């Protein structure tokens, strides 16, 4: 495994989780359902982004 594939999935998870958290915190109350949504957004982003390979470099 390369660091780039791990790093891009971590950043995607942070971005998805923070977007879900900002949306959930609009009413200043975080419910259990909203917490589950945040967790699923992070886990989904990690899984999907990690599964998609980086574009291979072409000979330059």
Protein backbone atom coordinates (compact mmCIF):
# COMPACT_ATOMS: atom_id res chain seq x y z
CA UNK A 1 0.00 0.00 0.00
CA UNK A 2 1.11 3.47 -0.77
CA UNK A 3 0.75 6.47 1.50
CA UNK A 4 -1.14 8.38 -1.21
CA UNK A 5 -4.04 5.93 -1.26
CA UNK A 6 -4.33 5.98 2.52
CA UNK A 7 -4.00 9.76 2.72
CA UNK A 8 -6.67 10.43 0.12
CA UNK A 9 -9.16 8.17 1.92
CA UNK A 10 -8.43 9.82 5.29
CA UNK A 11 -8.94 13.30 3.83
CA UNK A 12 -12.17 12.17 2.14
CA UNK A 13 -13.43 10.75 5.44
CA UNK A 14 -12.62 13.95 7.28
CA UNK A 15 -14.35 16.02 4.59
CA UNK A 16 -17.47 13.85 4.53
CA UNK A 17 -17.67 13.68 8.33
CA UNK A 18 -17.24 17.40 8.79
CA UNK A 19 -19.84 18.17 6.12
CA UNK A 20 -22.32 15.85 7.82
CA UNK A 21 -21.46 17.28 11.25
CA UNK A 22 -21.98 20.88 10.13
CA UNK A 23 -25.34 19.97 8.65
CA UNK A 24 -26.36 18.03 11.76
CA UNK A 25 -25.34 20.83 14.14
CA UNK A 26 -27.51 23.50 12.54
CA UNK A 27 -30.07 23.23 15.35
CA UNK A 28 -27.38 23.08 18.10
CA UNK A 29 -28.49 19.56 19.06
CA UNK A 30 -26.77 16.36 17.93
CA UNK A 31 -29.13 13.40 18.04
CA UNK A 32 -28.20 9.73 17.88
CA UNK A 33 -29.47 9.50 14.30
CA UNK A 34 -27.31 12.42 13.26
CA UNK A 35 -24.30 10.81 14.93
CA UNK A 36 -24.94 7.61 13.01
CA UNK A 37 -25.21 9.61 9.80
CA UNK A 38 -21.84 11.25 10.48
CA UNK A 39 -20.22 7.88 11.20
CA UNK A 40 -21.68 6.32 8.06
CA UNK A 41 -20.51 9.27 5.96
CA UNK A 42 -16.95 8.84 7.26
CA UNK A 43 -16.93 5.06 6.84
CA UNK A 44 -18.51 5.26 3.39
CA UNK A 45 -15.97 7.81 2.20
CA UNK A 46 -13.09 5.74 3.56
CA UNK A 47 -14.31 2.58 1.85
CA UNK A 48 -15.21 4.07 -1.50
CA UNK A 49 -12.15 6.29 -1.88
CA UNK A 50 -9.76 3.57 -0.69
CA UNK A 51 -11.24 1.09 -3.19
CA UNK A 52 -10.76 3.37 -6.20
CA UNK A 53 -7.14 3.25 -7.40
CA UNK A 54 -5.18 6.36 -8.27
CA UNK A 55 -4.73 7.09 -11.95
CA UNK A 56 -1.53 5.41 -13.15
CA UNK A 57 1.24 7.70 -14.28
CA UNK A 58 1.92 7.68 -18.00
CA UNK A 59 5.43 7.76 -19.39
CA UNK A 60 6.60 11.34 -19.77
